[in-house]
């Protein structure tokens, strides 16, 4: 199974679209790994937090009840090496696009946040594709 790696940087407070939509609804990706890290690991105020979501309008804050959010990650830097945290909803498939956004723990700095995401391709039946599209929307989303 061929994996796809997405890596780069996102500006704190911004939403970045990671293009994974290939136009085929029966073809998707499962996120198997999601990590964030500060741009400057020697900065003691370099704690960073990231959210992966299926919708541009999903909030940056972690909301586990929001079906559009599928991954959460953090890296804390103080007087020790990076202390990573990563949690991925195991019951998801990305059919359309994937979005990342992040926050820096320090209120005095705005900086870039490094990310690394590993995806595995998933083939879906027509019924699975329809259910996945429905699940991508938050249940209280009125759009």
Protein backbone atom coordinates (compact mmCIF):
# COMPACT_ATOMS: atom_id res chain seq x y z
CA UNK A 1 0.00 0.00 0.00
CA UNK A 2 1.51 3.29 -1.09
CA UNK A 3 1.48 6.06 1.50
CA UNK A 4 1.36 9.77 0.79
CA UNK A 5 3.18 12.28 2.97
CA UNK A 6 2.13 15.90 3.35
CA UNK A 7 4.54 18.19 5.13
CA UNK A 8 5.14 21.89 5.35
CA UNK A 9 4.30 24.89 7.47
CA UNK A 10 1.12 26.71 8.36
CA UNK A 11 0.94 30.24 9.75
CA UNK A 12 -0.51 30.34 13.24
CA UNK A 13 -4.19 31.30 13.12
CA UNK A 14 -4.51 30.58 9.38
CA UNK A 15 -6.29 27.69 7.63
CA UNK A 16 -4.31 25.82 4.99
CA UNK A 17 -5.97 23.60 2.41
CA UNK A 18 -4.11 20.37 1.76
CA UNK A 19 -5.32 19.10 -1.60
CA UNK A 20 -6.17 15.40 -1.51
CA UNK A 21 -9.35 15.43 -3.63
CA UNK A 22 -8.72 13.63 -6.91
CA UNK A 23 -12.33 13.93 -8.11
CA UNK A 24 -13.18 10.26 -7.50
CA UNK A 25 -15.64 9.71 -4.65
CA UNK A 26 -14.71 6.03 -4.38
CA UNK A 27 -11.11 6.93 -3.63
CA UNK A 28 -10.10 8.45 -0.31
CA UNK A 29 -7.38 8.62 2.30
CA UNK A 30 -7.08 7.63 5.92
CA UNK A 31 -4.79 9.76 8.10
CA UNK A 32 -2.42 7.38 9.88
CA UNK A 33 -0.05 9.94 11.40
CA UNK A 34 -0.24 13.64 12.28
CA UNK A 35 2.50 15.64 13.99
CA UNK A 36 3.21 19.31 14.61
CA UNK A 37 6.34 21.04 15.85
CA UNK A 38 7.46 24.62 16.43
CA UNK A 39 9.67 26.23 13.84
CA UNK A 40 12.25 27.03 16.52
CA UNK A 41 12.53 24.11 18.97
CA UNK A 42 14.93 26.07 21.19
CA UNK A 43 12.21 28.62 21.99
CA UNK A 44 10.87 27.82 25.47
CA UNK A 45 7.54 29.42 24.50
CA UNK A 46 7.26 27.23 21.41
CA UNK A 47 4.29 25.07 22.37
CA UNK A 48 2.17 24.41 19.28
CA UNK A 49 -1.22 22.84 18.67
CA UNK A 50 -2.72 21.60 15.41
CA UNK A 51 -6.13 20.52 14.17
CA UNK A 52 -6.93 18.49 11.05
CA UNK A 53 -10.41 18.95 9.67
CA UNK A 54 -12.56 18.16 6.66
CA UNK A 55 -14.02 21.66 6.38
CA UNK A 56 -12.50 25.12 6.01
CA UNK A 57 -14.84 26.58 8.65
CA UNK A 58 -14.03 24.08 11.39
CA UNK A 59 -12.76 25.88 14.51
CA UNK A 60 -9.06 25.89 15.40
CA UNK A 61 -9.82 24.92 18.99
CA UNK A 62 -10.09 21.22 19.69
CA UNK A 63 -13.75 20.13 19.55
CA UNK A 64 -14.02 16.34 19.65
CA UNK A 65 -17.81 16.59 19.15
CA UNK A 66 -17.35 18.28 15.76
CA UNK A 67 -17.47 15.56 13.06
CA UNK A 68 -15.43 17.75 10.74
CA UNK A 69 -12.37 17.50 13.01
CA UNK A 70 -10.46 14.24 12.61
CA UNK A 71 -7.01 14.86 14.10
CA UNK A 72 -5.39 16.77 16.93
CA UNK A 73 -1.69 17.18 17.68
CA UNK A 74 0.57 19.18 19.98
CA UNK A 75 4.23 19.58 20.75
CA UNK A 76 5.39 21.17 23.98
CA UNK A 77 8.83 22.65 24.38
CA UNK A 78 10.24 23.75 27.70
CA UNK A 79 13.37 22.50 29.42
CA UNK A 80 13.06 19.01 27.91
CA UNK A 81 12.90 17.57 24.39
CA UNK A 82 9.70 17.76 22.41
CA UNK A 83 6.78 16.12 24.20
CA UNK A 84 4.46 15.17 21.30
CA UNK A 85 0.75 14.42 21.46
CA UNK A 86 -1.24 13.06 18.52
CA UNK A 87 -4.77 11.71 18.32
CA UNK A 88 -6.51 10.66 15.11
CA UNK A 89 -10.12 9.57 14.79
CA UNK A 90 -9.69 5.94 13.67
CA UNK A 91 -13.10 5.89 11.96
CA UNK A 92 -12.70 8.41 9.15
CA UNK A 93 -11.90 8.61 5.46
CA UNK A 94 -10.95 11.82 3.65
CA UNK A 95 -12.76 12.00 0.31
CA UNK A 96 -12.71 15.71 -0.38
CA UNK A 97 -10.08 18.09 0.97
CA UNK A 98 -8.16 18.17 4.22
CA UNK A 99 -7.46 21.35 6.16
CA UNK A 100 -4.91 22.13 8.85
CA UNK A 101 -4.70 24.99 11.26
CA UNK A 102 -2.63 25.61 14.32
CA UNK A 103 -2.07 27.75 17.36
CA UNK A 104 1.09 28.74 19.20
CA UNK A 105 0.92 28.49 22.99
CA UNK A 106 2.62 31.84 23.55
CA UNK A 107 0.34 34.85 23.23
CA UNK A 108 3.28 37.10 22.39
CA UNK A 109 4.43 35.40 19.21
CA UNK A 110 2.88 34.52 15.87
CA UNK A 111 4.92 31.98 14.02
CA UNK A 112 4.93 29.19 11.51
CA UNK A 113 4.01 25.69 12.67
CA UNK A 114 5.65 22.66 11.05
CA UNK A 115 3.43 19.68 10.23
CA UNK A 116 3.85 16.14 8.94
CA UNK A 117 0.83 14.07 7.88
CA UNK A 118 0.92 10.52 6.54
CA UNK A 119 -2.05 9.25 4.50
CA UNK A 120 -2.96 5.78 3.23
CA UNK A 121 -5.22 5.36 0.18
CA UNK A 122 -8.63 3.74 0.73
CA UNK A 123 -11.01 2.36 -1.93
CA UNK A 124 -14.73 2.72 -1.14
CA UNK A 125 -17.92 1.20 -2.46
CA UNK A 126 -20.65 3.60 -3.61
CA UNK A 127 -22.54 3.12 -0.33
CA UNK A 128 -19.40 3.74 1.76
CA UNK A 129 -18.65 6.89 -0.23
CA UNK A 130 -22.15 8.28 0.41
CA UNK A 131 -21.95 7.53 4.14
CA UNK A 132 -18.51 9.10 4.35
CA UNK A 133 -19.74 12.30 2.67
CA UNK A 134 -22.64 12.50 5.14
CA UNK A 135 -20.33 11.89 8.09
CA UNK A 136 -18.00 14.70 7.00
CA UNK A 137 -20.64 17.25 7.91
CA UNK A 138 -21.14 18.18 11.53
CA UNK A 139 -24.55 17.01 12.73
CA UNK A 140 -25.50 20.53 13.79
CA UNK A 141 -24.25 22.14 10.57
CA UNK A 142 -27.12 23.97 8.88
CA UNK A 143 -25.40 24.76 5.57
